[in-house]
Amino acid sequence: MGYWYLTIAIVAEVLATSALKESQGFSRLVPSLLVVAGYGASFYFLSLVLQTIPIGVAYALWAGLGIVLITIVGAVMFGQKMDLPAILGIALIISGVVVLRVFSSIET
């Protein structure tokens, strides 16, 4: 269940961050409520994750995959362009997540 909870936490965080941009400094009610609900759900599920997955692994996956996904959302939904160094950085984050998940011997 830990990785299902982690998936929910990541998706909730990405939705909240997307809504944060749309809230226009918390001046729009509905996106502002989505920010609070999304981050609340994200941290709740992240707390459940920590019952079964070590904190370093859980946080690295949550943060790393959240960065990658919100970058994709920024490009698709908000038309934000990435230059070559940004693409390289995202590729390094993905590589780090893969190495951590596939090759690490940390108990999960």
C-alpha atoms as a PDB file:
ATOM      1  CA  MET A   1       0.000   0.000   0.000  1.00  0.00           C
ATOM      2  CA  GLY A   2       2.938   2.338   0.588  1.00  0.00           C
ATOM      3  CA  TYR A   3       3.572   2.971  -3.080  1.00  0.00           C
ATOM      4  CA  TRP A   4      -0.137   3.488  -3.788  1.00  0.00           C
ATOM      5  CA  TYR A   5      -0.237   6.097  -1.034  1.00  0.00           C
ATOM      6  CA  LEU A   6       2.923   7.652  -2.448  1.00  0.00           C
ATOM      7  CA  THR A   7       1.304   7.888  -5.883  1.00  0.00           C
ATOM      8  CA  ILE A   8      -1.741   9.610  -4.379  1.00  0.00           C
ATOM      9  CA  ALA A   9       0.518  11.993  -2.427  1.00  0.00           C
ATOM     10  CA  ILE A  10       2.457  12.925  -5.566  1.00  0.00           C
ATOM     11  CA  VAL A  11      -0.654  13.465  -7.695  1.00  0.00           C
ATOM     12  CA  ALA A  12      -2.291  15.561  -4.952  1.00  0.00           C
ATOM     13  CA  GLU A  13       0.852  17.693  -4.648  1.00  0.00           C
ATOM     14  CA  VAL A  14       1.008  18.256  -8.417  1.00  0.00           C
ATOM     15  CA  LEU A  15      -2.680  19.206  -8.529  1.00  0.00           C
ATOM     16  CA  ALA A  16      -2.203  21.594  -5.603  1.00  0.00           C
ATOM     17  CA  THR A  17       0.825  23.222  -7.191  1.00  0.00           C
ATOM     18  CA  SER A  18      -1.063  23.650 -10.473  1.00  0.00           C
ATOM     19  CA  ALA A  19      -3.954  25.233  -8.599  1.00  0.00           C
ATOM     20  CA  LEU A  20      -1.485  27.496  -6.768  1.00  0.00           C
ATOM     21  CA  LYS A  21      -0.583  29.138 -10.057  1.00  0.00           C
ATOM     22  CA  GLU A  22      -4.272  29.539 -10.916  1.00  0.00           C
ATOM     23  CA  SER A  23      -5.108  30.990  -7.480  1.00  0.00           C
ATOM     24  CA  GLN A  24      -3.359  34.238  -8.470  1.00  0.00           C
ATOM     25  CA  GLY A  25      -1.911  34.857  -5.036  1.00  0.00           C
ATOM     26  CA  PHE A  26      -4.907  33.301  -3.262  1.00  0.00           C
ATOM     27  CA  SER A  27      -7.216  35.916  -4.787  1.00  0.00           C
ATOM     28  CA  ARG A  28      -9.419  33.294  -6.486  1.00  0.00           C
ATOM     29  CA  LEU A  29     -11.505  31.136  -4.139  1.00  0.00           C
ATOM     30  CA  VAL A  30     -11.860  27.806  -5.971  1.00  0.00           C
ATOM     31  CA  PRO A  31      -8.189  27.385  -6.931  1.00  0.00           C
ATOM     32  CA  SER A  32      -7.190  28.514  -3.419  1.00  0.00           C
ATOM     33  CA  LEU A  33      -9.400  25.823  -1.886  1.00  0.00           C
ATOM     34  CA  LEU A  34      -7.869  23.252  -4.245  1.00  0.00           C
ATOM     35  CA  VAL A  35      -4.407  24.296  -3.059  1.00  0.00           C
ATOM     36  CA  VAL A  36      -5.297  23.746   0.595  1.00  0.00           C
ATOM     37  CA  ALA A  37      -7.118  20.459  -0.077  1.00  0.00           C
ATOM     38  CA  GLY A  38      -4.396  19.175  -2.398  1.00  0.00           C
ATOM     39  CA  TYR A  39      -1.499  19.906  -0.082  1.00  0.00           C
ATOM     40  CA  GLY A  40      -3.487  18.582   2.877  1.00  0.00           C
ATOM     41  CA  ALA A  41      -4.173  15.317   1.043  1.00  0.00           C
ATOM     42  CA  SER A  42      -0.586  15.113  -0.152  1.00  0.00           C
ATOM     43  CA  PHE A  43       0.878  15.435   3.336  1.00  0.00           C
ATOM     44  CA  TYR A  44      -1.706  13.085   4.818  1.00  0.00           C
ATOM     45  CA  PHE A  45      -0.867  10.335   2.320  1.00  0.00           C
ATOM     46  CA  LEU A  46       2.844  11.048   2.645  1.00  0.00           C
ATOM     47  CA  SER A  47       2.472  10.468   6.392  1.00  0.00           C
ATOM     48  CA  LEU A  48       0.901   7.075   5.652  1.00  0.00           C
ATOM     49  CA  VAL A  49       3.742   6.245   3.279  1.00  0.00           C
ATOM     50  CA  LEU A  50       6.259   6.769   6.072  1.00  0.00           C
ATOM     51  CA  GLN A  51       4.791   3.808   7.961  1.00  0.00           C
ATOM     52  CA  THR A  52       6.184   1.416   5.341  1.00  0.00           C
ATOM     53  CA  ILE A  53       8.832   3.247   3.296  1.00  0.00           C
ATOM     54  CA  PRO A  54      11.969   4.868   4.778  1.00  0.00           C
ATOM     55  CA  ILE A  55      11.685   8.651   4.981  1.00  0.00           C
ATOM     56  CA  GLY A  56      14.664   9.340   2.710  1.00  0.00           C
ATOM     57  CA  VAL A  57      13.352   7.095  -0.053  1.00  0.00           C
ATOM     58  CA  ALA A  58       9.782   8.353   0.291  1.00  0.00           C
ATOM     59  CA  TYR A  59      10.782  12.017   0.232  1.00  0.00           C
ATOM     60  CA  ALA A  60      13.202  11.567  -2.674  1.00  0.00           C
ATOM     61  CA  LEU A  61      10.509   9.875  -4.749  1.00  0.00           C
ATOM     62  CA  TRP A  62       7.795  12.351  -3.702  1.00  0.00           C
ATOM     63  CA  ALA A  63       9.919  15.398  -4.429  1.00  0.00           C
ATOM     64  CA  GLY A  64      11.657  14.076  -7.543  1.00  0.00           C
ATOM     65  CA  LEU A  65       8.577  12.747  -9.284  1.00  0.00           C
ATOM     66  CA  GLY A  66       6.607  15.813  -8.209  1.00  0.00           C
ATOM     67  CA  ILE A  67       9.213  18.051  -9.862  1.00  0.00           C
ATOM     68  CA  VAL A  68       9.118  16.046 -13.078  1.00  0.00           C
ATOM     69  CA  LEU A  69       5.321  15.972 -13.232  1.00  0.00           C
ATOM     70  CA  ILE A  70       4.827  19.654 -12.406  1.00  0.00           C
ATOM     71  CA  THR A  71       7.374  20.519 -15.097  1.00  0.00           C
ATOM     72  CA  ILE A  72       5.317  18.542 -17.611  1.00  0.00           C
ATOM     73  CA  VAL A  73       2.119  20.234 -16.391  1.00  0.00           C
ATOM     74  CA  GLY A  74       3.810  23.625 -16.738  1.00  0.00           C
ATOM     75  CA  ALA A  75       4.771  22.849 -20.324  1.00  0.00           C
ATOM     76  CA  VAL A  76       1.401  21.379 -21.337  1.00  0.00           C
ATOM     77  CA  MET A  77      -1.075  23.545 -19.423  1.00  0.00           C
ATOM     78  CA  PHE A  78       0.790  26.834 -19.083  1.00  0.00           C
ATOM     79  CA  GLY A  79       2.964  26.793 -22.215  1.00  0.00           C
ATOM     80  CA  GLN A  80       6.184  27.067 -20.238  1.00  0.00           C
ATOM     81  CA  LYS A  81       9.186  26.176 -22.400  1.00  0.00           C
ATOM     82  CA  MET A  82      12.207  24.258 -21.167  1.00  0.00           C
ATOM     83  CA  ASP A  83      15.705  24.898 -22.474  1.00  0.00           C
ATOM     84  CA  LEU A  84      18.404  22.259 -22.803  1.00  0.00           C
ATOM     85  CA  PRO A  85      19.820  22.686 -19.266  1.00  0.00           C
ATOM     86  CA  ALA A  86      16.303  22.316 -17.807  1.00  0.00           C
ATOM     87  CA  ILE A  87      15.696  19.156 -19.836  1.00  0.00           C
ATOM     88  CA  LEU A  88      19.066  17.783 -18.714  1.00  0.00           C
ATOM     89  CA  GLY A  89      18.227  18.570 -15.086  1.00  0.00           C
ATOM     90  CA  ILE A  90      14.866  16.793 -15.338  1.00  0.00           C
ATOM     91  CA  ALA A  91      16.606  13.808 -16.961  1.00  0.00           C
ATOM     92  CA  LEU A  92      19.052  13.692 -14.036  1.00  0.00           C
ATOM     93  CA  ILE A  93      16.173  13.752 -11.541  1.00  0.00           C
ATOM     94  CA  ILE A  94      14.477  10.875 -13.368  1.00  0.00           C
ATOM     95  CA  SER A  95      17.795   8.994 -13.435  1.00  0.00           C
ATOM     96  CA  GLY A  96      18.186   9.521  -9.697  1.00  0.00           C
ATOM     97  CA  VAL A  97      14.698   8.190  -9.006  1.00  0.00           C
ATOM     98  CA  VAL A  98      15.378   5.121 -11.155  1.00  0.00           C
ATOM     99  CA  VAL A  99      18.723   4.445  -9.466  1.00  0.00           C
ATOM    100  CA  LEU A 100      17.174   4.854  -6.026  1.00  0.00           C
ATOM    101  CA  ARG A 101      14.239   2.580  -6.780  1.00  0.00           C
ATOM    102  CA  VAL A 102      15.930  -0.092  -8.887  1.00  0.00           C
ATOM    103  CA  PHE A 103      19.469  -0.348  -7.557  1.00  0.00           C
ATOM    104  CA  SER A 104      19.309   0.762  -3.924  1.00  0.00           C
ATOM    105  CA  SER A 105      19.368  -1.883  -1.209  1.00  0.00           C
ATOM    106  CA  ILE A 106      17.494   0.335   1.280  1.00  0.00           C
ATOM    107  CA  GLU A 107      14.683  -1.690   2.858  1.00  0.00           C
ATOM    108  CA  THR A 108      11.263  -0.777   1.483  1.00  0.00           C
END
